[in-house]
Amino acid sequence: MTATTSAHPGPHGRPGEQPAAPLRAGLVGLGAMGRNHARILAALDGVEFVAAVDPAVEAAADGRPGPGGVPVLRDVGELLALGVDYAVVACPTALHEDVGLRLAEAGVCALIEKPLAHTAEAARRLAEAFEARGLVAGVGHIERFNPALQQLRARLEAGELGEVFQVVTRRQGPFPHRIADVGVVKDLATHDIDLTSWITGQGYATLSARTVSKSGRDHEDMVAVVGSLADGTMVSHLVNWLSPLKERFCAVTGERGCFVADTLTADLTFHANGAVATEWEALRAFRGVAEGDTVRYAFPKREPLAVEHERFRDAVRGAAGGIVTAREGLRTVEVSTAVLESARLMADVGGTGLPALPGTAEPDGPASGVTATVLPSGAPPAPGAHGRVAEQTT
């Protein structure tokens, strides 16, 4: 008897079958981030990088190969005509919805750079379009694939810090001239919103934000956010495009000390609270804070973008988990929208209107988008459950 196998098992190869044919991938957008995606796609195992789309690139006009050695096309329709299994969307944020919907309508999976879209409504339409067709859609929140943050999350999940008290992030550096269609909240603070919910497993409960614009652009270039997560953990985010100092800092303080992650160097350090170092179980509970040992961890450090692409490739082939889903990307856009709304109103935003990421704890009550309740500017916050501000309807 002669065994038979499918000559074309398609993108979703199954155990015992002939190895799946390479996935055909395209890229939309050849700006600074798009060129990095092209570099990864050109070397990614199990993927054939077919073509890129960018009408602003000279190669699209004269037929020369672009980054990654592939043809550069002028329109998404030309890419779809080549027959691709998935596409990476790295064009300006304002174009994400249009490009993403065209891909979904054509039955093409998509890895869309963060933020998922320029508005919460557009992000929701994208998420629903891919879900309705059973297509894989991911969002490029690359910090989830930073080895320092992956180590940090694993150690928090293992309970090494005990009760978590506070998450503080700082993300600052010089102005990126490549960004023109969104401000620092949606371009950069979305990193911190996503990673904070991801490492803690908690959604946002309340927040208050202030923004300024000092560069003369239409959008904000500095934001400060303070707030709390569903379990009462305090959060603080400082993000700007105005500093000559480039910094990517995340500190998580808890019962047993403080983890500090530097995502520029992918280093993770633990500063122990010497006051809780005891073998007597009855005295393990928090009693104070004292400087203890400092440990810098050693672990493999792979390029986050390469890992992100590998996880998405595997998801298109049918592997569960491992990517930032469109629904999670939507939640982050909703929280970033609440940040901008708080800054616009000079008011606190909170209560059940703040969304949680799927798989994270939510504030008490159902979350249904950001129809946020606010405190008028100048009104003293009244304490509510878990120290949250009292809710008022506007």
Protein backbone atom coordinates (compact mmCIF):
# COMPACT_ATOMS: atom_id res chain seq x y z
CA MET A 1 0.00 0.00 0.00
CA THR A 2 1.28 3.44 -0.86
CA ALA A 3 0.75 6.22 1.65
CA THR A 4 -0.52 9.48 0.24
CA THR A 5 -0.05 12.98 1.53
CA SER A 6 -1.36 16.31 0.40
CA ALA A 7 1.00 18.06 -1.97
CA HIS A 8 -0.33 21.42 -0.78
CA PRO A 9 -1.21 21.21 2.92
CA GLY A 10 -1.74 24.98 3.00
CA PRO A 11 -0.69 27.36 5.75
CA HIS A 12 -2.10 25.28 8.57
CA GLY A 13 0.17 22.24 8.52
CA ARG A 14 -0.87 19.37 10.82
CA PRO A 15 1.23 16.79 12.70
CA GLY A 16 1.97 13.79 10.50
CA GLU A 17 1.41 15.69 7.28
CA GLN A 18 3.99 16.66 4.72
CA PRO A 19 5.72 19.87 5.88
CA ALA A 20 3.60 22.86 5.00
CA ALA A 21 4.58 25.01 2.06
CA PRO A 22 6.12 28.36 2.97
CA LEU A 23 3.63 31.07 3.83
CA ARG A 24 3.50 33.89 1.30
CA ALA A 25 3.85 37.23 3.07
CA GLY A 26 3.65 40.85 1.98
CA LEU A 27 4.43 44.17 3.62
CA VAL A 28 2.55 47.47 3.44
CA GLY A 29 4.74 50.46 4.29
CA LEU A 30 8.49 50.94 3.94
CA GLY A 31 9.17 53.65 6.48
CA ALA A 32 11.62 53.22 9.35
CA MET A 33 9.67 50.42 11.00
CA GLY A 34 8.61 48.89 7.70
CA ARG A 35 12.22 48.44 6.65
CA ASN A 36 12.89 46.53 9.85
CA HIS A 37 9.92 44.29 9.09
CA ALA A 38 11.31 43.75 5.58
CA ARG A 39 14.66 42.68 7.02
CA ILE A 40 12.99 40.10 9.28
CA LEU A 41 10.57 38.82 6.63
CA ALA A 42 13.40 38.26 4.15
CA ALA A 43 15.16 35.92 6.59
CA LEU A 44 12.17 34.28 8.32
CA ASP A 45 12.07 30.48 8.13
CA GLY A 46 8.93 29.07 6.59
CA VAL A 47 7.97 32.35 4.95
CA GLU A 48 8.37 33.61 1.38
CA PHE A 49 8.55 37.40 1.33
CA VAL A 50 6.68 38.19 -1.87
CA ALA A 51 6.45 41.98 -2.22
CA ALA A 52 6.10 45.30 -0.43
CA VAL A 53 3.70 48.18 -1.04
CA ASP A 54 4.70 51.83 -0.72
CA PRO A 55 3.83 54.37 -3.41
CA ALA A 56 6.25 56.91 -1.89
CA VAL A 57 9.31 54.71 -2.44
CA GLU A 58 11.24 55.39 -5.66
CA ALA A 59 11.62 51.68 -6.34
CA ALA A 60 7.86 51.47 -6.79
CA ALA A 61 8.16 53.78 -9.78
CA ASP A 62 11.16 52.33 -11.60
CA GLY A 63 10.77 48.62 -10.81
CA ARG A 64 13.94 48.21 -8.76
CA PRO A 65 13.84 45.72 -5.84
CA GLY A 66 13.20 47.32 -2.49
CA PRO A 67 14.32 46.35 1.02
CA GLY A 68 14.46 42.59 1.36
CA GLY A 69 15.10 42.26 -2.37
CA VAL A 70 11.41 42.11 -3.30
CA PRO A 71 9.35 44.15 -5.78
CA VAL A 72 7.86 47.39 -4.46
CA LEU A 73 4.25 47.88 -5.56
CA ARG A 74 2.11 51.00 -5.55
CA ASP A 75 -1.20 49.62 -4.28
CA VAL A 76 -2.51 46.97 -1.88
CA GLY A 77 -4.59 45.54 -4.71
CA GLU A 78 -1.41 44.62 -6.59
CA LEU A 79 -0.18 42.75 -3.52
CA LEU A 80 -3.46 40.86 -3.15
CA ALA A 81 -3.27 39.85 -6.81
CA LEU A 82 -0.02 38.00 -6.03
CA GLY A 83 -1.80 35.72 -3.56
CA VAL A 84 -0.49 36.18 -0.03
CA ASP A 85 -1.34 34.32 3.17
CA TYR A 86 -0.65 37.31 5.39
CA ALA A 87 0.60 40.87 5.30
CA VAL A 88 2.41 43.14 7.74
CA VAL A 89 0.85 46.61 7.95
CA ALA A 90 3.45 49.28 8.77
CA CYS A 91 2.00 52.30 6.99
CA PRO A 92 0.96 55.52 8.81
CA THR A 93 -1.56 54.88 11.59
CA ALA A 94 -4.35 56.80 9.86
CA LEU A 95 -4.22 54.26 7.00
CA HIS A 96 -4.36 51.13 9.17
CA GLU A 97 -8.14 50.81 9.01
CA ASP A 98 -8.43 51.10 5.24
CA VAL A 99 -5.53 48.73 4.56
CA GLY A 100 -6.60 46.27 7.25
CA LEU A 101 -10.20 46.09 6.03
CA ARG A 102 -9.03 45.43 2.46
CA LEU A 103 -6.88 42.56 3.71
CA ALA A 104 -9.72 41.12 5.79
CA GLU A 105 -12.16 41.31 2.87
CA ALA A 106 -9.63 39.41 0.75
CA GLY A 107 -9.23 36.68 3.40
CA VAL A 108 -5.66 37.67 4.26
CA CYS A 109 -4.32 37.54 7.84
CA ALA A 110 -2.54 40.64 9.11
CA LEU A 111 0.08 41.75 11.61
CA ILE A 112 -0.70 45.44 12.12
CA GLU A 113 1.77 47.79 13.73
CA LYS A 114 0.68 49.50 16.93
CA PRO A 115 -1.50 51.31 17.54
CA LEU A 116 -4.08 49.12 15.86
CA ALA A 117 -5.86 52.21 14.51
CA HIS A 118 -6.08 55.97 14.98
CA THR A 119 -9.41 55.83 16.83
CA ALA A 120 -11.14 53.33 19.08
CA GLU A 121 -14.01 53.05 16.60
CA ALA A 122 -11.65 52.21 13.75
CA ALA A 123 -9.82 49.68 15.92
CA ARG A 124 -13.12 47.99 16.78
CA ARG A 125 -14.10 47.76 13.11
CA LEU A 126 -10.76 46.13 12.33
CA ALA A 127 -10.99 43.62 15.17
CA GLU A 128 -14.54 42.66 14.21
CA ALA A 129 -13.70 42.35 10.50
CA PHE A 130 -10.95 39.79 11.11
CA GLU A 131 -12.92 37.94 13.79
CA ALA A 132 -15.99 37.65 11.55
CA ARG A 133 -13.91 35.91 8.88
CA GLY A 134 -11.94 33.69 11.26
CA LEU A 135 -8.67 35.32 10.25
CA VAL A 136 -5.60 35.79 12.43
CA ALA A 137 -4.92 39.44 13.24
CA GLY A 138 -2.08 40.57 15.47
CA VAL A 139 -0.86 43.93 16.71
CA GLY A 140 2.81 44.90 16.86
CA HIS A 141 3.17 45.66 20.56
CA ILE A 142 6.80 44.63 20.38
CA GLU A 143 7.59 45.14 24.07
CA ARG A 144 5.77 41.89 24.90
CA PHE A 145 8.61 40.11 23.11
CA ASN A 146 11.40 41.94 24.92
CA PRO A 147 13.29 39.28 26.91
CA ALA A 148 13.52 41.49 30.01
CA LEU A 149 9.75 41.94 30.15
CA GLN A 150 9.09 38.28 29.40
CA GLN A 151 11.35 37.37 32.32
CA LEU A 152 9.64 39.96 34.52
CA ARG A 153 6.17 38.66 33.71
CA ALA A 154 7.18 35.06 34.40
CA ARG A 155 8.63 36.02 37.79
CA LEU A 156 5.53 38.00 38.74
CA GLU A 157 3.33 35.06 37.75
CA ALA A 158 5.51 32.80 39.94
CA GLY A 159 4.84 35.09 42.90
CA GLU A 160 8.48 36.09 43.40
CA LEU A 161 7.52 39.67 44.27
CA GLY A 162 4.58 38.83 46.50
CA GLU A 163 1.82 41.40 46.42
CA VAL A 164 2.39 43.99 43.68
CA PHE A 165 2.04 47.60 44.83
CA GLN A 166 3.02 49.79 41.88
CA VAL A 167 4.11 49.80 38.23
CA VAL A 168 6.14 52.79 37.02
CA THR A 169 7.26 53.29 33.42
CA ARG A 170 9.33 55.99 31.72
CA ARG A 171 9.67 56.16 27.95
CA GLN A 172 11.40 59.25 26.65
CA GLY A 173 13.76 60.35 23.93
CA PRO A 174 14.27 62.79 21.05
CA PHE A 175 11.48 63.72 18.65
CA PRO A 176 10.96 61.13 15.84
CA HIS A 177 10.41 63.15 12.65
CA ARG A 178 8.92 60.06 10.95
CA ILE A 179 5.71 60.32 13.05
CA ALA A 180 3.21 62.88 11.77
CA ASP A 181 -0.32 61.55 12.21
CA VAL A 182 -0.56 60.77 15.95
CA GLY A 183 0.90 62.13 19.16
CA VAL A 184 3.06 60.57 21.80
CA VAL A 185 0.09 58.93 23.57
CA LYS A 186 -0.91 56.66 20.70
CA ASP A 187 2.56 56.20 19.25
CA LEU A 188 4.51 55.51 22.46
CA ALA A 189 2.31 55.40 25.56
CA THR A 190 0.40 52.50 24.03
CA HIS A 191 3.54 50.42 24.68
CA ASP A 192 3.30 51.14 28.40
CA ILE A 193 -0.46 50.65 28.59
CA ASP A 194 -0.20 47.25 26.93
CA LEU A 195 2.85 45.99 28.82
CA THR A 196 1.44 47.09 32.20
CA SER A 197 -1.78 45.12 31.72
CA TRP A 198 0.15 42.19 30.27
CA ILE A 199 2.77 41.77 33.01
CA THR A 200 0.23 42.24 35.83
CA GLY A 201 -2.79 40.50 34.32
CA GLN A 202 -4.91 43.50 35.32
CA GLY A 203 -7.01 46.00 33.41
CA TYR A 204 -7.06 49.72 34.10
CA ALA A 205 -9.63 50.95 36.65
CA THR A 206 -8.93 54.70 36.86
CA LEU A 207 -6.54 57.18 35.34
CA SER A 208 -5.74 60.86 35.21
CA ALA A 209 -3.51 62.39 32.54
CA ARG A 210 -1.96 65.66 31.49
CA THR A 211 -0.40 66.44 28.12
CA VAL A 212 1.59 69.31 26.60
CA SER A 213 2.76 70.18 23.10
CA LYS A 214 6.05 72.06 22.96
CA SER A 215 7.25 71.19 19.46
CA GLY A 216 4.65 73.18 17.54
CA ARG A 217 2.94 70.09 16.12
CA ASP A 218 -0.80 69.43 16.14
CA HIS A 219 -0.41 66.53 18.57
CA GLU A 220 0.84 66.20 22.13
CA ASP A 221 4.52 65.40 22.66
CA MET A 222 4.54 64.78 26.42
CA VAL A 223 2.14 62.93 28.71
CA ALA A 224 2.05 62.04 32.39
CA VAL A 225 -0.45 59.40 33.52
CA VAL A 226 -1.29 58.20 37.02
CA GLY A 227 -3.93 55.65 37.83
CA SER A 228 -4.82 52.28 39.25
CA LEU A 229 -5.47 48.78 37.97
CA ALA A 230 -8.45 46.58 38.76
CA ASP A 231 -6.78 45.11 41.85
CA GLY A 232 -5.73 48.52 43.20
CA THR A 233 -2.14 48.44 41.92
CA MET A 234 -0.89 51.99 41.34
CA VAL A 235 0.46 52.91 37.90
CA SER A 236 2.48 55.85 36.63
CA HIS A 237 3.59 56.49 33.05
CA LEU A 238 5.86 59.32 31.85
CA VAL A 239 6.25 59.47 28.08
CA ASN A 240 7.72 62.19 25.89
CA TRP A 241 9.45 63.11 22.66
CA LEU A 242 11.27 66.07 24.20
CA SER A 243 14.26 64.54 25.95
CA PRO A 244 17.84 64.12 24.67
CA LEU A 245 17.99 61.19 27.10
CA LYS A 246 16.65 57.98 25.59
CA GLU A 247 15.08 55.86 28.30
CA ARG A 248 12.93 52.73 28.41
CA PHE A 249 12.32 51.96 32.09
CA CYS A 250 9.83 49.76 33.91
CA ALA A 251 9.86 49.25 37.69
CA VAL A 252 7.46 46.96 39.53
CA THR A 253 7.49 47.41 43.30
CA GLY A 254 5.94 44.89 45.65
CA GLU A 255 6.07 43.13 48.97
CA ARG A 256 9.48 41.51 48.49
CA GLY A 257 11.30 44.26 46.61
CA CYS A 258 11.45 45.85 43.18
CA PHE A 259 12.06 44.53 39.66
CA VAL A 260 13.61 47.00 37.23
CA ALA A 261 13.54 46.26 33.49
CA ASP A 262 15.53 48.26 30.94
CA THR A 263 14.07 47.39 27.57
CA LEU A 264 16.82 49.21 25.65
CA THR A 265 19.44 46.79 26.98
CA ALA A 266 16.98 43.97 27.79
CA ASP A 267 18.32 43.82 31.35
CA LEU A 268 16.30 42.79 34.41
CA THR A 269 17.43 43.56 37.95
CA PHE A 270 15.86 42.69 41.29
CA HIS A 271 16.36 44.86 44.37
CA ALA A 272 15.36 42.79 47.39
CA ASN A 273 13.54 44.19 50.38
CA GLY A 274 15.83 43.08 53.20
CA ALA A 275 13.07 43.53 55.76
CA VAL A 276 11.16 40.45 54.55
CA ALA A 277 14.10 38.03 54.33
CA THR A 278 13.16 35.52 57.01
CA GLU A 279 12.65 31.78 57.26
CA TRP A 280 9.92 32.09 59.89
CA GLU A 281 6.64 31.82 57.97
CA ALA A 282 4.72 33.82 60.57
CA LEU A 283 6.98 36.83 59.94
CA ARG A 284 7.01 36.71 56.15
CA ALA A 285 4.27 39.33 55.89
CA PHE A 286 5.39 42.83 55.00
CA ARG A 287 6.77 44.71 58.01
CA GLY A 288 8.88 47.45 56.44
CA VAL A 289 11.45 48.25 53.78
CA ALA A 290 15.22 47.94 53.97
CA GLU A 291 17.86 47.76 51.26
CA GLY A 292 18.74 44.16 50.50
CA ASP A 293 20.62 42.21 47.86
CA THR A 294 20.63 43.24 44.21
CA VAL A 295 20.49 40.55 41.53
CA ARG A 296 20.96 41.07 37.80
CA TYR A 297 19.59 38.12 35.86
CA ALA A 298 21.28 36.38 32.94
CA PHE A 299 19.06 35.01 30.17
CA PRO A 300 19.08 34.66 26.37
CA LYS A 301 18.41 37.90 24.51
CA ARG A 302 16.89 37.50 21.08
CA GLU A 303 15.69 40.38 18.92
CA PRO A 304 12.07 41.10 19.94
CA LEU A 305 10.94 41.83 16.38
CA ALA A 306 12.22 38.46 15.16
CA VAL A 307 10.39 36.67 17.98
CA GLU A 308 7.21 38.65 17.23
CA HIS A 309 7.34 37.53 13.59
CA GLU A 310 7.95 33.90 14.54
CA ARG A 311 4.95 33.91 16.87
CA PHE A 312 2.72 35.46 14.22
CA ARG A 313 3.89 33.01 11.56
CA ASP A 314 3.07 30.15 13.93
CA ALA A 315 -0.35 31.65 14.71
CA VAL A 316 -1.20 31.79 11.00
CA ARG A 317 -0.25 28.11 10.82
CA GLY A 318 -2.70 27.38 13.64
CA ALA A 319 -0.66 27.62 16.85
CA ALA A 320 -2.64 28.96 19.79
CA GLY A 321 -1.54 32.02 21.74
CA GLY A 322 1.73 33.86 21.46
CA ILE A 323 0.53 37.01 19.68
CA VAL A 324 -1.10 40.28 20.68
CA THR A 325 -4.61 39.88 19.30
CA ALA A 326 -6.63 42.57 17.57
CA ARG A 327 -9.04 42.53 20.50
CA GLU A 328 -6.14 43.29 22.86
CA GLY A 329 -4.95 46.01 20.51
CA LEU A 330 -8.44 47.51 20.61
CA ARG A 331 -8.38 47.61 24.41
CA THR A 332 -5.09 49.49 24.36
CA VAL A 333 -6.45 52.05 21.89
CA GLU A 334 -9.49 52.51 24.13
CA VAL A 335 -7.34 53.17 27.19
CA SER A 336 -5.12 55.58 25.22
CA THR A 337 -8.29 57.38 24.12
CA ALA A 338 -9.27 57.70 27.78
CA VAL A 339 -5.82 59.17 28.50
CA LEU A 340 -6.37 61.87 25.87
CA GLU A 341 -9.90 62.51 27.11
CA SER A 342 -8.71 62.93 30.68
CA ALA A 343 -6.07 65.40 29.53
CA ARG A 344 -8.57 67.30 27.39
CA LEU A 345 -11.09 67.61 30.22
CA MET A 346 -8.46 68.08 32.93
CA ALA A 347 -10.41 65.40 34.78
CA ASP A 348 -10.08 61.93 36.21
CA VAL A 349 -11.39 59.01 34.18
CA GLY A 350 -12.41 55.78 35.81
CA GLY A 351 -14.95 53.21 36.78
CA THR A 352 -16.36 50.43 34.67
CA GLY A 353 -15.98 52.38 31.43
CA LEU A 354 -12.25 51.61 31.24
CA PRO A 355 -11.66 48.42 29.24
CA ALA A 356 -9.48 45.52 30.30
CA LEU A 357 -7.35 43.38 28.03
CA PRO A 358 -8.80 39.91 27.38
CA GLY A 359 -7.46 37.54 30.02
CA THR A 360 -6.90 40.33 32.55
CA ALA A 361 -8.93 41.23 35.59
CA GLU A 362 -11.48 43.97 35.02
CA PRO A 363 -12.88 46.63 37.34
CA ASP A 364 -16.09 45.70 39.14
CA GLY A 365 -18.95 45.59 36.66
CA PRO A 366 -19.04 45.08 32.89
CA ALA A 367 -16.71 46.96 30.58
CA SER A 368 -18.22 48.07 27.31
CA GLY A 369 -15.83 50.42 25.61
CA VAL A 370 -14.75 53.77 26.97
CA THR A 371 -17.88 55.67 27.89
CA ALA A 372 -15.83 56.96 30.77
CA THR A 373 -17.14 58.66 33.85
CA VAL A 374 -15.24 61.72 34.95
CA LEU A 375 -14.77 64.01 37.91
CA PRO A 376 -15.08 67.70 37.02
CA SER A 377 -11.81 69.60 37.32
CA GLY A 378 -11.35 70.89 40.84
CA ALA A 379 -13.79 68.46 42.47
CA PRO A 380 -12.15 66.45 45.25
CA PRO A 381 -12.15 62.72 44.50
CA ALA A 382 -14.44 60.83 46.83
CA PRO A 383 -13.03 57.43 47.85
CA GLY A 384 -14.90 54.47 46.43
CA ALA A 385 -14.33 50.72 46.46
CA HIS A 386 -10.65 49.81 46.41
CA GLY A 387 -9.71 53.49 46.70
CA ARG A 388 -11.19 54.35 43.30
CA VAL A 389 -12.69 57.74 42.70
CA ALA A 390 -16.44 58.06 42.96
CA GLU A 391 -18.18 57.99 39.60
CA GLN A 392 -20.20 60.86 38.20
CA THR A 393 -22.11 60.94 34.96
CA THR A 394 -21.41 63.78 32.58
